Amino acid sequence: MESFSLGRRRFAGTGALNLDLFYEVSSLTELRFKGLEFRPGGEVAGDRETLYALRDYLESRGRFLGASGGGSSANTIWALARFGFETAFIGAAGQDEEGERVLAELAEAGVDLSRVLISGTTGLALIVLDEKRDRFIFVSPGTAEKALADLEPALGEEEWLHLSSLVSEEGFAFHQRLVRRASGPVSLDPGEIYAARGPKALGPLLEKTSYLFVTEAEFKTLGLSVEELFARGIEALFLKRGARGARVLLPGASFEFPAERAFRIVDNTGAGDFFDAGVLAGLALGLRPEEAVRLGLKVAAASLRDYGRRGCPAREEFLNWVKPLKEGRIG
């Protein structure tokens, strides 16, 4: 089986570090809380007071399922480490029990945390699932992100930098500084939070990005055409379409793939992050973008079988998918 040695290159993720709290309710559309729109697939940010009040509301309307580490880039990097890649995370976690738990999960998977600052309070995210397995996320970043205003981490010459959104202005400014120093490949999953900043604000990130991951809603919010993205230097756009699979758009070509069959659907939280991990793994192993998408869809489908990160495939299962793809067979 192929070696996962990437030489001196490794994946370095950066984005939010959250503790995810999972709740189940009968229906998202029946929830009424302070004007929030509980849109399936939606994500909003708010303060800690609102998060605690919403948590109490959910306690009365549903049931608590459990907690695990979260954050888009953190999920992707955790999965890549689980597959066997050399990984690191760059960011900030709180000096609290939540932060200890989040970092312990990453460390257990083998993620290098030497460039994570410990300061303030850890981000919390309420993951609200309903009986249809739709989900809504309310995230509160805490105060740890503010410490990123003073963080100037070194980047390895061949490190592959993968970014997802930070909520605070300090976090966004940190990412703008960080990508300027990147000399290896850069991939970006902006999520709704960064997409809503618009193309002008995201310009410094997009101009350094080779691989862009977005949902259809995020692509619309971003407000740039495929041609405009390619003109900014994007080499491949991975359009995540949920139950309808994915599209990969390249200069002069477009490929569409149906979703892989999910034998069990428990929770779709993080499926897009695990799709990113599968695609990035495929690209690092030499697959073309249109081949790497197949690997991403397999990883995403497998992740649906349990809550949070628990459904993500381990190294052995992942390796069983790699060989037929490398040999040009559909697995």
Protein backbone atom coordinates (compact mmCIF):
# COMPACT_ATOMS: atom_id res chain seq x y z
CA MET A 1 0.00 0.00 0.00
CA GLU A 2 1.17 3.54 -0.75
CA SER A 3 3.26 5.38 1.81
CA PHE A 4 1.78 8.52 3.32
CA SER A 5 5.16 10.19 3.62
CA LEU A 6 4.92 13.73 2.28
CA GLY A 7 8.63 14.51 2.71
CA ARG A 8 8.96 17.79 4.57
CA ARG A 9 5.46 18.89 3.59
CA ARG A 10 2.62 18.50 6.02
CA PHE A 11 -0.88 19.86 6.42
CA ALA A 12 -1.30 22.82 8.76
CA GLY A 13 -4.86 23.79 9.57
CA THR A 14 -6.06 27.08 10.94
CA GLY A 15 -9.51 28.23 11.96
CA ALA A 16 -11.83 28.00 14.92
CA LEU A 17 -11.27 25.58 17.77
CA ASN A 18 -14.64 24.85 19.33
CA LEU A 19 -16.23 22.43 21.71
CA ASP A 20 -19.37 21.19 19.96
CA LEU A 21 -22.43 20.43 22.07
CA PHE A 22 -24.98 18.24 20.28
CA TYR A 23 -28.73 18.50 20.87
CA GLU A 24 -31.61 16.71 19.19
CA VAL A 25 -35.08 18.22 18.66
CA SER A 26 -38.11 16.94 16.78
CA SER A 27 -38.03 19.67 14.13
CA LEU A 28 -35.83 22.71 13.48
CA THR A 29 -38.76 24.60 11.94
CA GLU A 30 -40.71 24.43 15.20
CA LEU A 31 -38.02 26.21 17.24
CA ARG A 32 -38.64 29.82 18.27
CA PHE A 33 -35.87 31.68 20.05
CA LYS A 34 -35.08 35.43 19.99
CA GLY A 35 -35.72 35.80 16.27
CA LEU A 36 -33.18 33.18 15.19
CA GLU A 37 -33.92 31.41 11.92
CA PHE A 38 -33.20 27.71 12.46
CA ARG A 39 -32.49 27.07 8.80
CA PRO A 40 -31.35 23.50 7.98
CA GLY A 41 -27.66 23.68 7.17
CA GLY A 42 -27.40 27.21 8.56
CA GLU A 43 -24.73 28.63 10.83
CA VAL A 44 -24.80 31.86 12.83
CA ALA A 45 -22.47 33.43 15.38
CA GLY A 46 -23.39 35.17 18.60
CA ASP A 47 -22.26 36.06 22.10
CA ARG A 48 -21.82 33.66 25.00
CA GLU A 49 -24.87 34.94 26.88
CA THR A 50 -27.11 34.12 23.93
CA LEU A 51 -25.48 30.70 23.55
CA TYR A 52 -26.13 29.81 27.19
CA ALA A 53 -29.75 30.98 26.90
CA LEU A 54 -30.20 28.94 23.72
CA ARG A 55 -28.65 25.92 25.43
CA ASP A 56 -31.21 26.20 28.25
CA TYR A 57 -33.98 26.48 25.67
CA LEU A 58 -32.75 23.36 23.89
CA GLU A 59 -32.55 21.49 27.20
CA SER A 60 -36.29 22.11 27.60
CA ARG A 61 -37.20 21.29 24.01
CA GLY A 62 -34.92 18.36 23.18
CA ARG A 63 -32.18 16.13 24.52
CA PHE A 64 -28.44 16.43 24.93
CA LEU A 65 -26.48 13.92 22.82
CA GLY A 66 -22.89 14.58 23.79
CA ALA A 67 -19.87 16.79 23.09
CA SER A 68 -16.75 16.65 20.94
CA GLY A 69 -14.07 18.91 19.53
CA GLY A 70 -15.08 20.90 16.49
CA GLY A 71 -14.29 23.69 14.06
CA SER A 72 -14.18 23.19 10.27
CA SER A 73 -10.42 23.20 9.70
CA ALA A 74 -9.87 21.38 13.00
CA ASN A 75 -12.17 18.58 11.80
CA THR A 76 -10.35 18.37 8.48
CA ILE A 77 -6.91 18.27 10.09
CA TRP A 78 -8.08 15.73 12.69
CA ALA A 79 -9.29 13.48 9.86
CA LEU A 80 -6.04 13.84 7.90
CA ALA A 81 -4.08 12.89 11.02
CA ARG A 82 -6.38 9.90 11.50
CA PHE A 83 -5.63 8.81 7.93
CA GLY A 84 -1.90 8.90 8.68
CA PHE A 85 -0.72 12.28 7.39
CA GLU A 86 1.66 14.56 9.27
CA THR A 87 -0.44 17.47 10.54
CA ALA A 88 -0.36 20.59 12.67
CA PHE A 89 -2.85 23.18 13.86
CA ILE A 90 -2.33 26.93 14.15
CA GLY A 91 -4.73 28.95 16.28
CA ALA A 92 -5.93 29.64 19.81
CA ALA A 93 -7.82 27.73 22.49
CA GLY A 94 -9.07 28.89 25.84
CA GLN A 95 -7.40 28.36 29.19
CA ASP A 96 -10.34 26.29 30.43
CA GLU A 97 -11.67 22.75 30.60
CA GLU A 98 -13.28 23.09 27.18
CA GLY A 99 -9.94 24.06 25.65
CA GLU A 100 -8.18 21.15 27.33
CA ARG A 101 -10.74 18.75 25.91
CA VAL A 102 -10.54 20.16 22.37
CA LEU A 103 -6.74 20.04 22.30
CA ALA A 104 -6.60 16.59 23.86
CA GLU A 105 -8.65 15.17 20.96
CA LEU A 106 -6.31 16.69 18.40
CA ALA A 107 -3.20 15.58 20.28
CA GLU A 108 -4.52 12.03 20.60
CA ALA A 109 -4.87 11.91 16.80
CA GLY A 110 -1.25 13.03 16.45
CA VAL A 111 -1.77 16.69 15.49
CA ASP A 112 1.17 18.99 16.35
CA LEU A 113 -0.15 21.77 18.61
CA SER A 114 3.07 23.73 19.12
CA ARG A 115 1.59 26.77 17.33
CA VAL A 116 -1.63 26.94 19.36
CA LEU A 117 -1.90 29.79 21.89
CA ILE A 118 -3.68 29.16 25.19
CA SER A 119 -5.59 32.24 26.28
CA GLY A 120 -9.05 33.37 27.34
CA THR A 121 -12.09 31.18 26.78
CA THR A 122 -12.71 28.45 24.20
CA GLY A 123 -15.27 28.74 21.42
CA LEU A 124 -18.51 26.81 21.93
CA ALA A 125 -20.91 25.62 19.25
CA LEU A 126 -24.44 24.30 19.68
CA ILE A 127 -25.19 21.67 17.04
CA VAL A 128 -28.95 21.26 16.77
CA LEU A 129 -30.17 18.14 14.94
CA ASP A 130 -33.71 17.15 14.13
CA GLU A 131 -35.40 13.88 13.28
CA LYS A 132 -34.72 14.42 9.55
CA ARG A 133 -30.99 14.70 10.45
CA ASP A 134 -30.95 18.34 9.35
CA ARG A 135 -28.70 20.51 11.48
CA PHE A 136 -28.29 24.12 12.58
CA ILE A 137 -25.20 25.56 14.28
CA PHE A 138 -24.92 28.46 16.70
CA VAL A 139 -21.31 29.32 17.47
CA SER A 140 -19.81 31.65 20.07
CA PRO A 141 -16.04 32.19 19.63
CA GLY A 142 -15.22 33.06 23.23
CA THR A 143 -12.20 35.29 23.78
CA ALA A 144 -9.33 33.01 22.72
CA GLU A 145 -9.34 34.37 19.16
CA LYS A 146 -8.32 37.83 20.41
CA ALA A 147 -4.89 36.41 21.29
CA LEU A 148 -4.30 35.83 17.57
CA ALA A 149 -3.65 39.56 17.22
CA ASP A 150 -0.15 38.89 18.57
CA LEU A 151 0.51 35.49 16.96
CA GLU A 152 3.12 35.40 14.19
CA PRO A 153 3.80 31.68 13.68
CA ALA A 154 6.40 30.34 11.30
CA LEU A 155 5.26 28.28 8.33
CA GLY A 156 7.24 25.42 6.90
CA GLU A 157 8.43 25.90 3.34
CA GLU A 158 6.33 22.99 2.04
CA GLU A 159 3.43 23.06 4.50
CA TRP A 160 -0.01 22.83 2.95
CA LEU A 161 -2.08 25.52 4.69
CA HIS A 162 -5.81 24.82 5.02
CA LEU A 163 -8.02 27.64 6.30
CA SER A 164 -11.55 27.86 7.60
CA SER A 165 -13.29 30.86 9.14
CA LEU A 166 -12.62 32.68 12.38
CA VAL A 167 -15.40 34.88 13.77
CA SER A 168 -13.49 37.82 15.26
CA GLU A 169 -11.80 40.70 13.47
CA GLU A 170 -8.55 39.72 15.19
CA GLY A 171 -8.91 36.23 13.73
CA PHE A 172 -9.62 37.47 10.21
CA ALA A 173 -6.65 39.85 10.30
CA PHE A 174 -4.49 36.97 11.54
CA HIS A 175 -5.47 34.86 8.54
CA GLN A 176 -4.67 37.72 6.17
CA ARG A 177 -1.18 37.96 7.69
CA LEU A 178 -0.71 34.20 7.71
CA VAL A 179 -1.47 33.56 4.03
CA ARG A 180 1.01 36.23 2.98
CA ARG A 181 3.78 34.06 4.42
CA ALA A 182 2.55 30.79 2.90
CA SER A 183 4.91 29.34 0.30
CA GLY A 184 3.25 25.92 -0.03
CA PRO A 185 -0.26 25.12 -1.34
CA VAL A 186 -3.22 26.93 0.24
CA SER A 187 -6.79 25.62 0.44
CA LEU A 188 -9.75 27.54 1.83
CA ASP A 189 -13.18 26.53 3.11
CA PRO A 190 -14.71 29.93 3.95
CA GLY A 191 -18.01 28.71 5.34
CA GLU A 192 -20.90 31.13 5.63
CA ILE A 193 -18.97 33.44 7.95
CA TYR A 194 -16.14 34.28 5.54
CA ALA A 195 -18.31 34.07 2.42
CA ALA A 196 -20.52 36.79 3.91
CA ARG A 197 -17.52 39.13 4.12
CA GLY A 198 -17.63 39.39 0.34
CA PRO A 199 -15.01 39.23 -2.40
CA LYS A 200 -13.27 42.51 -1.54
CA ALA A 201 -12.55 41.52 2.06
CA LEU A 202 -11.61 37.97 1.06
CA GLY A 203 -9.32 39.16 -1.72
CA PRO A 204 -6.01 38.57 0.14
CA LEU A 205 -7.09 35.01 1.00
CA LEU A 206 -8.47 34.13 -2.43
CA GLU A 207 -5.37 35.38 -4.21
CA LYS A 208 -3.24 32.86 -2.30
CA THR A 209 -5.76 30.00 -2.56
CA SER A 210 -5.29 27.17 -5.05
CA TYR A 211 -8.17 24.96 -3.89
CA LEU A 212 -11.51 26.44 -2.82
CA PHE A 213 -14.25 24.45 -1.07
CA VAL A 214 -17.76 25.97 -0.91
CA THR A 215 -21.38 24.95 -0.69
CA GLU A 216 -23.80 26.20 -3.32
CA ALA A 217 -25.23 28.73 -0.84
CA GLU A 218 -21.75 30.00 0.07
CA PHE A 219 -20.81 30.31 -3.61
CA LYS A 220 -23.88 32.47 -4.20
CA THR A 221 -23.13 34.59 -1.13
CA LEU A 222 -19.52 35.08 -2.18
CA GLY A 223 -20.73 36.81 -5.34
CA LEU A 224 -17.93 35.87 -7.74
CA SER A 225 -18.29 33.90 -10.94
CA VAL A 226 -16.21 30.80 -11.62
CA GLU A 227 -14.26 32.77 -14.22
CA GLU A 228 -13.51 35.52 -11.72
CA LEU A 229 -12.23 32.96 -9.23
CA PHE A 230 -9.95 31.37 -11.81
CA ALA A 231 -8.67 34.84 -12.70
CA ARG A 232 -7.65 35.26 -9.05
CA GLY A 233 -5.53 32.10 -9.22
CA ILE A 234 -7.95 29.40 -8.04
CA GLU A 235 -6.90 26.11 -9.66
CA ALA A 236 -9.91 24.01 -8.64
CA LEU A 237 -13.30 24.86 -7.16
CA PHE A 238 -14.98 22.07 -5.18
CA LEU A 239 -18.71 22.72 -4.96
CA LYS A 240 -20.34 20.77 -2.14
CA ARG A 241 -23.96 19.86 -2.88
CA GLY A 242 -24.96 17.75 0.13
CA ALA A 243 -27.16 14.80 -0.77
CA ARG A 244 -26.68 15.63 -4.47
CA GLY A 245 -22.94 15.00 -4.34
CA ALA A 246 -20.30 17.42 -5.57
CA ARG A 247 -18.96 19.25 -8.59
CA VAL A 248 -15.37 20.12 -9.34
CA LEU A 249 -14.77 23.04 -11.68
CA LEU A 250 -11.43 23.49 -13.39
CA PRO A 251 -10.34 26.01 -16.02
CA GLY A 252 -12.03 24.66 -19.15
CA ALA A 253 -13.65 21.63 -17.51
CA SER A 254 -16.39 20.63 -15.07
CA PHE A 255 -17.12 17.24 -13.48
CA GLU A 256 -20.20 16.24 -11.50
CA PHE A 257 -20.43 13.30 -9.09
CA PRO A 258 -23.39 11.85 -7.17
CA ALA A 259 -23.13 11.38 -3.44
CA GLU A 260 -21.82 8.08 -2.18
CA ARG A 261 -24.45 5.88 -0.61
CA ALA A 262 -24.65 6.33 3.15
CA PHE A 263 -25.66 3.09 4.83
CA ARG A 264 -26.59 4.91 8.02
CA ILE A 265 -27.38 8.59 8.60
CA VAL A 266 -27.05 9.70 12.21
CA ASP A 267 -25.54 13.19 11.90
CA ASN A 268 -24.37 15.26 8.95
CA THR A 269 -22.39 17.73 11.07
CA GLY A 270 -18.87 17.99 9.73
CA ALA A 271 -19.57 15.95 6.58
CA GLY A 272 -18.33 18.86 4.47
CA ASP A 273 -15.16 19.10 6.55
CA PHE A 274 -14.49 15.40 6.09
CA PHE A 275 -15.16 15.78 2.36
CA ASP A 276 -12.40 18.41 2.38
CA ALA A 277 -10.09 15.96 4.15
CA GLY A 278 -10.70 13.23 1.58
CA VAL A 279 -10.11 15.59 -1.34
CA LEU A 280 -6.94 17.07 0.20
CA ALA A 281 -5.63 13.58 0.94
CA GLY A 282 -6.26 12.57 -2.65
CA LEU A 283 -4.51 15.64 -4.04
CA ALA A 284 -1.51 15.06 -1.77
CA LEU A 285 -1.33 11.46 -2.99
CA GLY A 286 -1.18 12.59 -6.60
CA LEU A 287 -4.81 12.20 -7.68
CA ARG A 288 -6.24 14.71 -10.12
CA PRO A 289 -8.96 16.97 -8.64
CA GLU A 290 -11.73 15.04 -10.39
CA GLU A 291 -10.34 11.81 -8.91
CA ALA A 292 -9.82 13.26 -5.44
CA VAL A 293 -13.52 14.21 -5.30
CA ARG A 294 -14.45 10.52 -5.28
CA LEU A 295 -12.33 10.03 -2.18
CA GLY A 296 -13.89 13.07 -0.54
CA LEU A 297 -17.40 11.75 -1.17
CA LYS A 298 -16.52 8.37 0.33
CA VAL A 299 -15.15 9.98 3.49
CA ALA A 300 -18.15 12.30 3.79
CA ALA A 301 -20.66 9.44 3.42
CA ALA A 302 -18.88 7.36 6.06
CA SER A 303 -18.88 10.28 8.50
CA LEU A 304 -22.69 10.34 8.56
CA ARG A 305 -22.87 7.09 10.54
CA ASP A 306 -22.19 8.66 13.94
CA TYR A 307 -22.15 11.98 15.78
CA GLY A 308 -19.44 14.57 15.14
CA ARG A 309 -16.05 13.03 14.43
CA ARG A 310 -16.95 9.53 15.54
CA GLY A 311 -18.09 8.39 12.09
CA CYS A 312 -14.91 9.47 10.30
CA PRO A 313 -13.05 6.47 8.81
CA ALA A 314 -9.81 5.32 10.37
CA ARG A 315 -6.58 4.74 8.45
CA GLU A 316 -7.26 1.13 7.41
CA GLU A 317 -10.69 1.87 5.96
CA PHE A 318 -9.32 4.95 4.21
CA LEU A 319 -6.43 3.02 2.67
CA ASN A 320 -8.85 0.45 1.26
CA TRP A 321 -10.38 3.25 -0.84
CA VAL A 322 -7.10 4.77 -2.00
CA LYS A 323 -5.62 1.89 -3.99
CA PRO A 324 -8.47 1.44 -6.54
CA LEU A 325 -8.59 5.21 -7.08
CA LYS A 326 -4.84 5.36 -7.61
CA GLU A 327 -5.14 2.49 -10.08
CA GLY A 328 -7.91 4.23 -11.99
CA ARG A 329 -10.74 1.96 -10.86
CA ILE A 330 -13.97 3.27 -9.40
CA GLY A 331 -14.20 1.90 -5.87
